[in-house]
PDB file of N, CA and C in Angstrom:
ATOM      1  N   GLY A   1      62.350 127.384  91.881  1.00  0.00           N
ATOM      2  CA  GLY A   1      62.817 128.083  93.059  1.00  0.00           C
ATOM      3  C   GLY A   1      64.143 128.753  92.783  1.00  0.00           C
ATOM      4  N   ASN A   2      64.564 129.550  93.698  1.00  0.00           N
ATOM      5  CA  ASN A   2      65.857 130.217  93.585  1.00  0.00           C
ATOM      6  C   ASN A   2      66.974 129.244  93.912  1.00  0.00           C
ATOM      7  N   ARG A   3      68.021 129.312  93.137  1.00  0.00           N
ATOM      8  CA  ARG A   3      69.200 128.487  93.392  1.00  0.00           C
ATOM      9  C   ARG A   3      70.375 129.418  93.596  1.00  0.00           C
ATOM     10  N   LYS A   4      71.138 129.116  94.619  1.00  0.00           N
ATOM     11  CA  LYS A   4      72.304 129.938  94.919  1.00  0.00           C
ATOM     12  C   LYS A   4      73.523 129.213  94.380  1.00  0.00           C
ATOM     13  N   GLY A   5      74.314 129.868  93.584  1.00  0.00           N
ATOM     14  CA  GLY A   5      75.511 129.259  93.046  1.00  0.00           C
ATOM     15  C   GLY A   5      76.675 130.207  93.154  1.00  0.00           C
ATOM     16  N   SER A   6      77.856 129.663  93.127  1.00  0.00           N
ATOM     17  CA  SER A   6      79.046 130.497  93.174  1.00  0.00           C
ATOM     18  C   SER A   6      80.185 129.771  92.494  1.00  0.00           C
ATOM     19  N   GLY A   7      81.159 130.520  92.063  1.00  0.00           N
ATOM     20  CA  GLY A   7      82.339 129.954  91.433  1.00  0.00           C
ATOM     21  C   GLY A   7      83.581 130.649  91.948  1.00  0.00           C
ATOM     22  N   TYR A   8      84.642 129.903  92.033  1.00  0.00           N
ATOM     23  CA  TYR A   8      85.902 130.437  92.540  1.00  0.00           C
ATOM     24  C   TYR A   8      87.047 129.937  91.672  1.00  0.00           C
ATOM     25  N   GLN A   9      88.045 130.762  91.541  1.00  0.00           N
ATOM     26  CA  GLN A   9      89.306 130.328  90.957  1.00  0.00           C
ATOM     27  C   GLN A   9      90.322 130.409  92.082  1.00  0.00           C
ATOM     28  N   ILE A  10      90.943 129.283  92.395  1.00  0.00           N
ATOM     29  CA  ILE A  10      91.882 129.276  93.506  1.00  0.00           C
ATOM     30  C   ILE A  10      93.221 128.694  93.070  1.00  0.00           C
ATOM     31  N   ARG A  11      94.225 129.050  93.827  1.00  0.00           N
ATOM     32  CA  ARG A  11      95.574 128.521  93.604  1.00  0.00           C
ATOM     33  C   ARG A  11      95.927 127.667  94.806  1.00  0.00           C
ATOM     34  N   LEU A  12      96.311 126.425  94.537  1.00  0.00           N
ATOM     35  CA  LEU A  12      96.715 125.507  95.597  1.00  0.00           C
ATOM     36  C   LEU A  12      98.194 125.211  95.450  1.00  0.00           C
ATOM     37  N   ASP A  13      98.908 125.256  96.553  1.00  0.00           N
ATOM     38  CA  ASP A  13     100.331 124.964  96.530  1.00  0.00           C
ATOM     39  C   ASP A  13     100.581 123.486  96.267  1.00  0.00           C
ATOM     40  N   ALA A  14     101.778 123.178  95.781  1.00  0.00           N
ATOM     41  CA  ALA A  14     102.170 121.784  95.561  1.00  0.00           C
ATOM     42  C   ALA A  14     102.033 121.011  96.860  1.00  0.00           C
ATOM     43  N   TYR A  15     101.608 119.770  96.749  1.00  0.00           N
ATOM     44  CA  TYR A  15     101.392 118.860  97.874  1.00  0.00           C
ATOM     45  C   TYR A  15     100.222 119.291  98.757  1.00  0.00           C
ATOM     46  N   GLU A  16      99.509 120.314  98.344  1.00  0.00           N
ATOM     47  CA  GLU A  16      98.279 120.732  99.025  1.00  0.00           C
ATOM     48  C   GLU A  16      97.176 120.913  97.987  1.00  0.00           C
ATOM     49  N   ASN A  17      97.300 120.201  96.878  1.00  0.00           N
ATOM     50  CA  ASN A  17      96.394 120.359  95.747  1.00  0.00           C
ATOM     51  C   ASN A  17      95.413 119.187  95.654  1.00  0.00           C
ATOM     52  N   ASP A  18      94.579 119.070  96.688  1.00  0.00           N
ATOM     53  CA  ASP A  18      93.597 117.997  96.686  1.00  0.00           C
ATOM     54  C   ASP A  18      92.195 118.560  96.839  1.00  0.00           C
ATOM     55  N   VAL A  19      91.201 117.714  96.601  1.00  0.00           N
ATOM     56  CA  VAL A  19      89.805 118.142  96.602  1.00  0.00           C
ATOM     57  C   VAL A  19      89.397 118.719  97.954  1.00  0.00           C
ATOM     58  N   LEU A  20      89.789 118.097  99.045  1.00  0.00           N
ATOM     59  CA  LEU A  20      89.373 118.585 100.360  1.00  0.00           C
ATOM     60  C   LEU A  20      89.903 119.992 100.630  1.00  0.00           C
ATOM     61  N   ARG A  21      91.135 120.264 100.251  1.00  0.00           N
ATOM     62  CA  ARG A  21      91.682 121.617 100.439  1.00  0.00           C
ATOM     63  C   ARG A  21      90.968 122.623  99.540  1.00  0.00           C
ATOM     64  N   ALA A  22      90.600 122.202  98.329  1.00  0.00           N
ATOM     65  CA  ALA A  22      89.857 123.099  97.436  1.00  0.00           C
ATOM     66  C   ALA A  22      88.488 123.427  98.029  1.00  0.00           C
ATOM     67  N   LEU A  23      87.808 122.422  98.560  1.00  0.00           N
ATOM     68  CA  LEU A  23      86.509 122.677  99.180  1.00  0.00           C
ATOM     69  C   LEU A  23      86.659 123.576 100.394  1.00  0.00           C
ATOM     70  N   ASN A  24      87.678 123.331 101.195  1.00  0.00           N
ATOM     71  CA  ASN A  24      87.914 124.143 102.386  1.00  0.00           C
ATOM     72  C   ASN A  24      88.194 125.603 102.011  1.00  0.00           C
ATOM     73  N   ALA A  25      88.945 125.817 100.935  1.00  0.00           N
ATOM     74  CA  ALA A  25      89.298 127.174 100.510  1.00  0.00           C
ATOM     75  C   ALA A  25      88.104 127.932  99.940  1.00  0.00           C
ATOM     76  N   THR A  26      87.036 127.215  99.589  1.00  0.00           N
ATOM     77  CA  THR A  26      85.884 127.864  98.978  1.00  0.00           C
ATOM     78  C   THR A  26      84.626 127.776  99.844  1.00  0.00           C
ATOM     79  N   GLY A  27      84.792 127.542 101.134  1.00  0.00           N
ATOM     80  CA  GLY A  27      83.646 127.579 102.029  1.00  0.00           C
ATOM     81  C   GLY A  27      83.270 126.275 102.690  1.00  0.00           C
ATOM     82  N   GLY A  28      84.011 125.215 102.453  1.00  0.00           N
ATOM     83  CA  GLY A  28      83.732 123.956 103.131  1.00  0.00           C
ATOM     84  C   GLY A  28      82.850 123.028 102.323  1.00  0.00           C
ATOM     85  N   LEU A  29      82.408 121.973 102.992  1.00  0.00           N
ATOM     86  CA  LEU A  29      81.576 120.976 102.331  1.00  0.00           C
ATOM     87  C   LEU A  29      80.245 121.588 101.907  1.00  0.00           C
ATOM     88  N   PRO A  30      79.626 121.017 100.874  1.00  0.00           N
ATOM     89  CA  PRO A  30      78.365 121.567 100.390  1.00  0.00           C
ATOM     90  C   PRO A  30      77.249 121.421 101.419  1.00  0.00           C
ATOM     91  N   GLY A  31      76.250 122.279 101.304  1.00  0.00           N
ATOM     92  CA  GLY A  31      75.112 122.257 102.224  1.00  0.00           C
ATOM     93  C   GLY A  31      74.050 121.268 101.785  1.00  0.00           C
ATOM     94  N   LEU A  32      72.899 121.380 102.409  1.00  0.00           N
ATOM     95  CA  LEU A  32      71.795 120.461 102.148  1.00  0.00           C
ATOM     96  C   LEU A  32      71.178 120.635 100.769  1.00  0.00           C
ATOM     97  N   ASP A  33      71.442 121.783 100.125  1.00  0.00           N
ATOM     98  CA  ASP A  33      70.868 122.027  98.799  1.00  0.00           C
ATOM     99  C   ASP A  33      71.755 121.505  97.671  1.00  0.00           C
ATOM    100  N   ALA A  34      72.794 120.733  98.015  1.00  0.00           N
ATOM    101  CA  ALA A  34      73.716 120.199  97.013  1.00  0.00           C
ATOM    102  C   ALA A  34      73.627 118.680  96.969  1.00  0.00           C
ATOM    103  N   LYS A  35      73.940 118.119  95.814  1.00  0.00           N
ATOM    104  CA  LYS A  35      73.981 116.665  95.685  1.00  0.00           C
ATOM    105  C   LYS A  35      75.114 116.112  96.538  1.00  0.00           C
ATOM    106  N   ASN A  36      75.021 114.852  96.886  1.00  0.00           N
ATOM    107  CA  ASN A  36      76.035 114.196  97.711  1.00  0.00           C
ATOM    108  C   ASN A  36      77.155 113.638  96.834  1.00  0.00           C
ATOM    109  N   GLU A  37      77.658 114.481  95.946  1.00  0.00           N
ATOM    110  CA  GLU A  37      78.689 114.049  95.011  1.00  0.00           C
ATOM    111  C   GLU A  37      79.519 115.246  94.576  1.00  0.00           C
ATOM    112  N   VAL A  38      80.818 115.039  94.499  1.00  0.00           N
ATOM    113  CA  VAL A  38      81.727 116.040  93.949  1.00  0.00           C
ATOM    114  C   VAL A  38      82.155 115.532  92.580  1.00  0.00           C
ATOM    115  N   VAL A  39      82.046 116.366  91.570  1.00  0.00           N
ATOM    116  CA  VAL A  39      82.446 116.000  90.215  1.00  0.00           C
ATOM    117  C   VAL A  39      83.705 116.791  89.874  1.00  0.00           C
ATOM    118  N   ILE A  40      84.725 116.095  89.416  1.00  0.00           N
ATOM    119  CA  ILE A  40      85.976 116.744  89.008  1.00  0.00           C
ATOM    120  C   ILE A  40      86.148 116.552  87.511  1.00  0.00           C
ATOM    121  N   LEU A  41      86.286 117.655  86.792  1.00  0.00           N
ATOM    122  CA  LEU A  41      86.583 117.618  85.363  1.00  0.00           C
ATOM    123  C   LEU A  41      88.089 117.801  85.238  1.00  0.00           C
ATOM    124  N   LYS A  42      88.763 116.713  84.902  1.00  0.00           N
ATOM    125  CA  LYS A  42      90.218 116.729  84.860  1.00  0.00           C
ATOM    126  C   LYS A  42      90.704 116.957  83.441  1.00  0.00           C
ATOM    127  N   GLY A  43      91.639 117.874  83.307  1.00  0.00           N
ATOM    128  CA  GLY A  43      92.255 118.110  82.008  1.00  0.00           C
ATOM    129  C   GLY A  43      91.320 118.776  81.017  1.00  0.00           C
ATOM    130  N   LYS A  44      91.622 118.582  79.747  1.00  0.00           N
ATOM    131  CA  LYS A  44      90.895 119.255  78.681  1.00  0.00           C
ATOM    132  C   LYS A  44      89.599 118.521  78.357  1.00  0.00           C
ATOM    133  N   TYR A  45      88.530 119.283  78.157  1.00  0.00           N
ATOM    134  CA  TYR A  45      87.222 118.728  77.816  1.00  0.00           C
ATOM    135  C   TYR A  45      87.239 118.164  76.412  1.00  0.00           C
ATOM    136  N   ASP A  46      86.673 116.973  76.243  1.00  0.00           N
ATOM    137  CA  ASP A  46      86.583 116.322  74.941  1.00  0.00           C
ATOM    138  C   ASP A  46      85.112 116.216  74.547  1.00  0.00           C
ATOM    139  N   PRO A  47      84.619 117.081  73.620  1.00  0.00           N
ATOM    140  CA  PRO A  47      83.200 117.061  73.272  1.00  0.00           C
ATOM    141  C   PRO A  47      82.745 115.736  72.677  1.00  0.00           C
ATOM    142  N   SER A  48      83.650 114.970  72.075  1.00  0.00           N
ATOM    143  CA  SER A  48      83.261 113.685  71.502  1.00  0.00           C
ATOM    144  C   SER A  48      83.087 112.611  72.575  1.00  0.00           C
ATOM    145  N   ASN A  49      83.621 112.861  73.771  1.00  0.00           N
ATOM    146  CA  ASN A  49      83.495 111.915  74.876  1.00  0.00           C
ATOM    147  C   ASN A  49      83.352 112.700  76.177  1.00  0.00           C
ATOM    148  N   PRO A  50      82.145 113.220  76.467  1.00  0.00           N
ATOM    149  CA  PRO A  50      81.971 114.122  77.606  1.00  0.00           C
ATOM    150  C   PRO A  50      82.311 113.509  78.966  1.00  0.00           C
ATOM    151  N   GLU A  51      82.244 112.191  79.102  1.00  0.00           N
ATOM    152  CA  GLU A  51      82.546 111.567  80.396  1.00  0.00           C
ATOM    153  C   GLU A  51      84.035 111.237  80.557  1.00  0.00           C
ATOM    154  N   LYS A  52      84.820 111.507  79.513  1.00  0.00           N
ATOM    155  CA  LYS A  52      86.257 111.256  79.607  1.00  0.00           C
ATOM    156  C   LYS A  52      86.866 112.238  80.609  1.00  0.00           C
ATOM    157  N   ASN A  53      87.720 111.741  81.468  1.00  0.00           N
ATOM    158  CA  ASN A  53      88.411 112.546  82.473  1.00  0.00           C
ATOM    159  C   ASN A  53      87.466 113.149  83.509  1.00  0.00           C
ATOM    160  N   VAL A  54      86.313 112.528  83.709  1.00  0.00           N
ATOM    161  CA  VAL A  54      85.385 112.965  84.749  1.00  0.00           C
ATOM    162  C   VAL A  54      85.495 111.997  85.917  1.00  0.00           C
ATOM    163  N   VAL A  55      85.746 112.538  87.093  1.00  0.00           N
ATOM    164  CA  VAL A  55      85.827 111.732  88.310  1.00  0.00           C
ATOM    165  C   VAL A  55      84.665 112.135  89.207  1.00  0.00           C
ATOM    166  N   ARG A  56      83.920 111.146  89.680  1.00  0.00           N
ATOM    167  CA  ARG A  56      82.794 111.393  90.582  1.00  0.00           C
ATOM    168  C   ARG A  56      83.134 110.824  91.951  1.00  0.00           C
ATOM    169  N   ILE A  57      83.095 111.700  92.949  1.00  0.00           N
ATOM    170  CA  ILE A  57      83.429 111.295  94.314  1.00  0.00           C
ATOM    171  C   ILE A  57      82.171 111.393  95.166  1.00  0.00           C
ATOM    172  N   PRO A  58      81.676 110.258  95.648  1.00  0.00           N
ATOM    173  CA  PRO A  58      80.493 110.305  96.504  1.00  0.00           C
ATOM    174  C   PRO A  58      80.844 110.877  97.874  1.00  0.00           C
ATOM    175  N   LEU A  59      79.940 111.689  98.416  1.00  0.00           N
ATOM    176  CA  LEU A  59      80.166 112.236  99.749  1.00  0.00           C
ATOM    177  C   LEU A  59      79.545 111.352 100.827  1.00  0.00           C
ATOM    178  N   ARG A  60      78.719 110.421 100.407  1.00  0.00           N
ATOM    179  CA  ARG A  60      78.146 109.431 101.322  1.00  0.00           C
ATOM    180  C   ARG A  60      78.346 108.055 100.715  1.00  0.00           C
ATOM    181  N   VAL A  61      78.871 107.146 101.512  1.00  0.00           N
ATOM    182  CA  VAL A  61      79.078 105.774 101.068  1.00  0.00           C
ATOM    183  C   VAL A  61      78.623 104.856 102.197  1.00  0.00           C
ATOM    184  N   TYR A  62      77.843 103.842 101.857  1.00  0.00           N
ATOM    185  CA  TYR A  62      77.438 102.855 102.855  1.00  0.00           C
ATOM    186  C   TYR A  62      78.617 101.949 103.171  1.00  0.00           C
ATOM    187  N   PRO A  63      78.718 101.467 104.400  1.00  0.00           N
ATOM    188  CA  PRO A  63      79.875 100.642 104.800  1.00  0.00           C
ATOM    189  C   PRO A  63      80.085  99.420 103.911  1.00  0.00           C
ATOM    190  N   GLU A  64      79.006  98.849 103.386  1.00  0.00           N
ATOM    191  CA  GLU A  64      79.143  97.643 102.558  1.00  0.00           C
ATOM    192  C   GLU A  64      79.526  97.954 101.110  1.00  0.00           C
ATOM    193  N   ASP A  65      79.501  99.223 100.724  1.00  0.00           N
ATOM    194  CA  ASP A  65      79.863  99.603  99.355  1.00  0.00           C
ATOM    195  C   ASP A  65      81.375  99.793  99.231  1.00  0.00           C
ATOM    196  N   ALA A  66      81.914  99.297  98.134  1.00  0.00           N
ATOM    197  CA  ALA A  66      83.343  99.474  97.874  1.00  0.00           C
ATOM    198  C   ALA A  66      83.607 100.911  97.419  1.00  0.00           C
ATOM    199  N   LEU A  67      84.705 101.471  97.858  1.00  0.00           N
ATOM    200  CA  LEU A  67      85.099 102.812  97.429  1.00  0.00           C
ATOM    201  C   LEU A  67      85.726 102.699  96.043  1.00  0.00           C
ATOM    202  N   THR A  68      85.237 103.477  95.099  1.00  0.00           N
ATOM    203  CA  THR A  68      85.669 103.323  93.705  1.00  0.00           C
ATOM    204  C   THR A  68      86.679 104.372  93.257  1.00  0.00           C
ATOM    205  N   ILE A  69      87.088 105.261  94.164  1.00  0.00           N
ATOM    206  CA  ILE A  69      88.055 106.285  93.777  1.00  0.00           C
ATOM    207  C   ILE A  69      89.448 105.873  94.218  1.00  0.00           C
ATOM    208  N   LYS A  70      90.425 106.392  93.501  1.00  0.00           N
ATOM    209  CA  LYS A  70      91.829 106.115  93.807  1.00  0.00           C
ATOM    210  C   LYS A  70      92.468 107.392  94.358  1.00  0.00           C
ATOM    211  N   PRO A  71      93.571 107.262  95.082  1.00  0.00           N
ATOM    212  CA  PRO A  71      94.234 108.459  95.622  1.00  0.00           C
ATOM    213  C   PRO A  71      94.540 109.508  94.550  1.00  0.00           C
ATOM    214  N   GLU A  72      94.914 109.087  93.364  1.00  0.00           N
ATOM    215  CA  GLU A  72      95.247 110.055  92.318  1.00  0.00           C
ATOM    216  C   GLU A  72      94.002 110.789  91.799  1.00  0.00           C
ATOM    217  N   ASP A  73      92.809 110.261  92.059  1.00  0.00           N
ATOM    218  CA  ASP A  73      91.582 110.931  91.629  1.00  0.00           C
ATOM    219  C   ASP A  73      91.345 112.233  92.382  1.00  0.00           C
ATOM    220  N   ILE A  74      91.799 112.322  93.629  1.00  0.00           N
ATOM    221  CA  ILE A  74      91.529 113.515  94.438  1.00  0.00           C
ATOM    222  C   ILE A  74      92.594 114.593  94.301  1.00  0.00           C
ATOM    223  N   VAL A  75      93.692 114.277  93.597  1.00  0.00           N
ATOM    224  CA  VAL A  75      94.749 115.268  93.381  1.00  0.00           C
ATOM    225  C   VAL A  75      94.351 116.150  92.201  1.00  0.00           C
ATOM    226  N   LEU A  76      94.413 117.461  92.405  1.00  0.00           N
ATOM    227  CA  LEU A  76      94.022 118.412  91.371  1.00  0.00           C
ATOM    228  C   LEU A  76      95.247 118.960  90.662  1.00  0.00           C
ATOM    229  N   ASN A  77      95.087 119.231  89.379  1.00  0.00           N
ATOM    230  CA  ASN A  77      96.151 119.815  88.564  1.00  0.00           C
ATOM    231  C   ASN A  77      95.643 121.094  87.923  1.00  0.00           C
ATOM    232  N   ASP A  78      96.551 121.847  87.305  1.00  0.00           N
ATOM    233  CA  ASP A  78      96.173 123.093  86.647  1.00  0.00           C
ATOM    234  C   ASP A  78      95.004 122.856  85.695  1.00  0.00           C
ATOM    235  N   GLY A  79      93.982 123.688  85.824  1.00  0.00           N
ATOM    236  CA  GLY A  79      92.849 123.617  84.920  1.00  0.00           C
ATOM    237  C   GLY A  79      91.742 122.675  85.330  1.00  0.00           C
ATOM    238  N   ASP A  80      91.946 121.855  86.353  1.00  0.00           N
ATOM    239  CA  ASP A  80      90.882 120.959  86.802  1.00  0.00           C
ATOM    240  C   ASP A  80      89.739 121.772  87.393  1.00  0.00           C
ATOM    241  N   ILE A  81      88.532 121.293  87.201  1.00  0.00           N
ATOM    242  CA  ILE A  81      87.339 121.972  87.705  1.00  0.00           C
ATOM    243  C   ILE A  81      86.639 121.061  88.695  1.00  0.00           C
ATOM    244  N   VAL A  82      86.372 121.587  89.885  1.00  0.00           N
ATOM    245  CA  VAL A  82      85.613 120.861  90.907  1.00  0.00           C
ATOM    246  C   VAL A  82      84.205 121.443  90.898  1.00  0.00           C
ATOM    247  N   HIS A  83      83.226 120.567  90.735  1.00  0.00           N
ATOM    248  CA  HIS A  83      81.839 121.014  90.580  1.00  0.00           C
ATOM    249  C   HIS A  83      80.935 120.221  91.519  1.00  0.00           C
ATOM    250  N   ILE A  84      80.042 120.931  92.180  1.00  0.00           N
ATOM    251  CA  ILE A  84      79.038 120.282  93.023  1.00  0.00           C
ATOM    252  C   ILE A  84      77.682 120.760  92.530  1.00  0.00           C
ATOM    253  N   GLU A  85      76.891 119.818  92.035  1.00  0.00           N
ATOM    254  CA  GLU A  85      75.600 120.172  91.464  1.00  0.00           C
ATOM    255  C   GLU A  85      74.570 120.437  92.554  1.00  0.00           C
ATOM    256  N   ALA A  86      73.592 121.255  92.214  1.00  0.00           N
ATOM    257  CA  ALA A  86      72.482 121.514  93.122  1.00  0.00           C
ATOM    258  C   ALA A  86      71.568 120.300  93.155  1.00  0.00           C
ATOM    259  N   ARG A  87      71.029 120.049  94.318  1.00  0.00           N
ATOM    260  CA  ARG A  87      70.078 118.950  94.473  1.00  0.00           C
ATOM    261  C   ARG A  87      68.747 119.379  93.870  1.00  0.00           C
ATOM    262  N   ASP A  88      68.100 118.449  93.171  1.00  0.00           N
ATOM    263  CA  ASP A  88      66.745 118.711  92.685  1.00  0.00           C
ATOM    264  C   ASP A  88      65.835 118.868  93.897  1.00  0.00           C
ATOM    265  N   ALA A  89      64.824 119.651  93.736  1.00  0.00           N
ATOM    266  CA  ALA A  89      63.893 119.880  94.854  1.00  0.00           C
ATOM    267  C   ALA A  89      63.256 118.557  95.256  1.00  0.00           C
ATOM    268  N   ASP A  90      63.285 118.258  96.551  1.00  0.00           N
ATOM    269  CA  ASP A  90      62.639 117.062  97.078  1.00  0.00           C
ATOM    270  C   ASP A  90      61.174 117.387  97.336  1.00  0.00           C
ATOM    271  N   VAL A  91      60.317 116.508  96.897  1.00  0.00           N
ATOM    272  CA  VAL A  91      58.885 116.683  97.094  1.00  0.00           C
ATOM    273  C   VAL A  91      58.360 115.489  97.855  1.00  0.00           C
ATOM    274  N   TYR A  92      57.622 115.732  98.916  1.00  0.00           N
ATOM    275  CA  TYR A  92      57.046 114.671  99.722  1.00  0.00           C
ATOM    276  C   TYR A  92      55.534 114.812  99.724  1.00  0.00           C
ATOM    277  N   TYR A  93      54.864 113.689  99.648  1.00  0.00           N
ATOM    278  CA  TYR A  93      53.398 113.686  99.685  1.00  0.00           C
ATOM    279  C   TYR A  93      52.929 112.955 100.922  1.00  0.00           C
TER     280      TYR A  93
END
């Protein structure tokens, strides 16, 4: 099927450099065609360790689940990339 994607380069002022402000500046929270997770690639990419400096923020958490992110995880710095993957097509029988 067709997938709609977009990319933005934005500048966030000091003390306003968090994930929620970045999402707001680029159109708000993801729609129904996106996974319920925000992935942040922090700092420089390391091909020998692709999961290094990757922060995954769930957009849905059950009340009994512990929150695994820290306040510093949502703060963005120069060069950080915020990525929201497309949801795989749901098929029901």
